[in-house]
Protein backbone atom coordinates (compact mmCIF):
# COMPACT_ATOMS: atom_id res chain seq x y z
CA MET A 1 9.61 17.70 -18.38
CA ASP A 2 6.25 19.12 -18.08
CA GLU A 3 4.02 16.88 -16.25
CA THR A 4 1.12 17.53 -18.61
CA PHE A 5 3.17 15.99 -21.19
CA THR A 6 4.07 13.19 -18.92
CA LYS A 7 0.42 12.20 -18.20
CA THR A 8 -0.64 12.66 -21.99
CA LEU A 9 2.05 9.79 -22.43
CA ASN A 10 0.70 8.05 -19.39
CA ALA A 11 -2.75 7.94 -20.90
CA THR A 12 -1.30 6.69 -24.31
CA ALA A 13 0.56 3.67 -22.52
CA ASN A 14 -2.73 2.03 -20.71
CA GLN A 15 -4.06 1.64 -24.02
CA ALA A 16 -3.69 -1.79 -25.21
CA LEU A 17 -2.80 -1.00 -28.66
CA MET A 18 -2.55 2.82 -29.63
CA ASN A 19 -5.11 3.84 -31.98
CA GLU A 20 -4.09 6.12 -34.91
CA ASN A 21 -5.31 9.35 -33.96
CA ALA A 22 -2.76 8.91 -30.91
CA GLN A 23 -0.11 7.97 -33.40
CA GLU A 24 -0.79 11.06 -35.53
CA ASN A 25 -0.35 13.67 -32.32
CA LEU A 26 2.87 12.39 -31.43
CA ASP A 27 5.86 12.80 -33.55
CA ALA A 28 8.25 10.69 -34.66
CA ASP A 29 11.12 11.61 -32.20
CA ASP A 30 8.86 11.53 -28.89
CA MET A 31 7.40 8.11 -29.95
CA ILE A 32 10.96 6.82 -30.08
CA PHE A 33 11.70 8.66 -26.72
CA TYR A 34 8.43 7.09 -25.46
CA ASN A 35 9.45 3.85 -25.95
CA SER A 36 12.68 3.99 -24.72
CA ILE A 37 11.17 4.93 -20.99
CA ARG A 38 7.94 2.73 -21.26
CA ALA A 39 9.39 0.09 -19.19
CA ASP A 40 10.10 2.76 -16.63
CA LEU A 41 7.28 4.42 -16.50
CA ASP A 42 5.52 1.15 -16.01
CA LEU A 43 7.64 0.65 -13.04
CA LEU A 44 6.37 4.05 -11.34
CA THR A 45 3.92 3.58 -8.24
CA LYS A 46 0.49 4.12 -9.52
CA LYS A 47 -1.14 4.38 -5.90
CA PRO A 48 1.23 6.41 -3.78
CA LYS A 49 0.93 5.68 0.16
CA VAL A 50 -1.39 7.93 2.13
CA GLN A 51 1.89 9.40 3.83
CA THR A 52 3.40 10.28 0.56
CA ILE A 53 0.28 12.29 -0.06
CA HIS A 54 0.35 13.88 3.20
CA GLN A 55 3.79 15.02 2.58
CA ILE A 56 3.17 16.17 -0.84
CA LEU A 57 0.17 18.14 0.57
CA ASP A 58 2.24 19.55 3.48
CA TYR A 59 4.79 20.60 1.65
CA SER A 60 2.62 22.31 -0.82
CA LYS A 61 0.71 24.44 2.28
CA SER A 62 4.50 25.22 3.58
CA LEU A 63 5.14 27.41 0.07
CA ARG A 64 2.04 29.54 0.73
């Protein structure tokens, strides 16, 4: 799954009620998929530990 797509859905999830513009931008299939995984998305860690951030950065640097 593309990270940009996930960010778009997470931005929609943070709204109390989706406005009509957001609903028009998502297809029916996308809405069904999003609603099926919304509970799992809410369980994701929103503030990772500092150690996790450093590990990701170290891995990224090692790829150069």
